[in-house]
Amino acid sequence: MAGKKDDWEQEENRAMEIDRDRIDDAILALLYLTLDRDGRAWKGFEWDAMKRLHEKGFIGDPVNKARSVWLTPNGIAQSEKLFHEMLCRSA
């Protein structure tokens, strides 16, 4: 079954160029929706993207049993900024 998924992903990638940085920005903006006052957010997003956000320093290590992930101070600031830029209507 994994082979079919890999084949599909390769074909999909050939059909269109995927901007993973924009995907990461969108996920970071959406993490803001579930951000609590302790800096945690639900981590129900694609694992590779969560790994990239961790490598960029925006979130703590997502590989654990917790259902949430910690956002770094920079991650919180960037998450809020992207949320307002991407998902809020201008007044």
Protein backbone atom coordinates (compact mmCIF):
# COMPACT_ATOMS: atom_id res chain seq x y z
CA MET A 1 0.00 0.00 0.00
CA ALA A 2 2.86 2.40 0.78
CA GLY A 3 4.12 1.95 -2.78
CA LYS A 4 0.86 3.22 -4.25
CA LYS A 5 0.97 6.29 -2.03
CA ASP A 6 4.59 6.98 -3.02
CA ASP A 7 3.70 6.62 -6.72
CA TRP A 8 0.76 8.98 -6.29
CA GLU A 9 2.90 11.57 -4.49
CA GLN A 10 5.60 11.43 -7.19
CA GLU A 11 3.01 11.84 -9.94
CA GLU A 12 1.32 14.67 -8.04
CA ASN A 13 4.67 16.43 -7.52
CA ARG A 14 5.41 16.23 -11.26
CA ALA A 15 2.01 17.70 -12.08
CA MET A 16 2.54 20.75 -9.86
CA GLU A 17 5.38 22.29 -7.95
CA ILE A 18 4.51 22.22 -4.25
CA ASP A 19 5.76 25.15 -2.18
CA ARG A 20 6.41 23.48 1.16
CA ASP A 21 7.28 26.82 2.80
CA ARG A 22 3.78 28.10 2.01
CA ILE A 23 2.30 24.88 3.39
CA ASP A 24 4.35 25.37 6.56
CA ASP A 25 3.13 28.98 6.82
CA ALA A 26 -0.49 27.88 6.45
CA ILE A 27 -0.11 25.20 9.13
CA LEU A 28 1.62 27.64 11.45
CA ALA A 29 -1.24 30.11 10.93
CA LEU A 30 -3.78 27.37 11.69
CA LEU A 31 -1.91 26.36 14.85
CA TYR A 32 -2.81 29.83 16.14
CA LEU A 33 -6.48 28.78 16.14
CA THR A 34 -5.88 26.21 18.88
CA LEU A 35 -3.09 28.00 20.73
CA ASP A 36 -3.69 28.12 24.49
CA ARG A 37 -2.25 30.60 26.96
CA ASP A 38 0.52 28.14 27.82
CA GLY A 39 1.80 28.15 24.23
CA ARG A 40 0.47 24.73 23.21
CA ALA A 41 -1.55 23.93 20.09
CA TRP A 42 -3.12 20.77 18.71
CA LYS A 43 -0.77 19.01 16.35
CA GLY A 44 -3.11 17.22 13.95
CA PHE A 45 -1.19 18.16 10.82
CA GLU A 46 1.00 16.28 8.35
CA TRP A 47 4.13 14.94 10.09
CA ASP A 48 6.68 16.15 7.55
CA ALA A 49 5.37 19.70 7.82
CA MET A 50 5.45 19.53 11.62
CA LYS A 51 9.05 18.30 11.42
CA ARG A 52 9.96 21.23 9.16
CA LEU A 53 8.33 23.71 11.59
CA HIS A 54 10.39 22.16 14.38
CA GLU A 55 13.58 22.42 12.30
CA LYS A 56 12.75 26.10 11.60
CA GLY A 57 12.50 26.71 15.37
CA PHE A 58 8.77 27.51 15.49
CA ILE A 59 7.60 24.50 17.51
CA GLY A 60 8.97 22.01 20.00
CA ASP A 61 9.71 18.46 18.93
CA PRO A 62 6.38 17.06 17.64
CA VAL A 63 7.49 13.43 18.06
CA ASN A 64 5.93 12.47 21.38
CA LYS A 65 2.73 10.99 22.75
CA ALA A 66 1.15 14.36 23.53
CA ARG A 67 -1.69 15.56 21.33
CA SER A 68 -0.36 19.08 21.42
CA VAL A 69 2.92 20.75 20.56
CA TRP A 70 4.67 23.71 22.17
CA LEU A 71 5.17 26.82 20.08
CA THR A 72 8.38 28.74 20.72
CA PRO A 73 8.10 32.47 21.44
CA ASN A 74 9.13 33.11 17.82
CA GLY A 75 6.61 30.48 16.69
CA ILE A 76 3.81 32.17 18.62
CA ALA A 77 4.65 35.58 17.11
CA GLN A 78 4.95 34.18 13.57
CA SER A 79 1.79 32.10 14.01
CA GLU A 80 -0.23 35.15 15.02
CA LYS A 81 1.24 37.26 12.20
CA LEU A 82 0.48 34.62 9.55
CA PHE A 83 -2.99 34.02 10.97
CA HIS A 84 -3.88 37.69 10.58
CA GLU A 85 -2.25 38.00 7.14
CA MET A 86 -3.73 34.83 5.67
CA LEU A 87 -7.03 34.26 7.41
CA CYS A 88 -8.48 37.54 8.67
CA ARG A 89 -10.55 39.97 6.68
CA SER A 90 -9.19 43.49 6.56
CA ALA A 91 -11.36 46.15 8.17
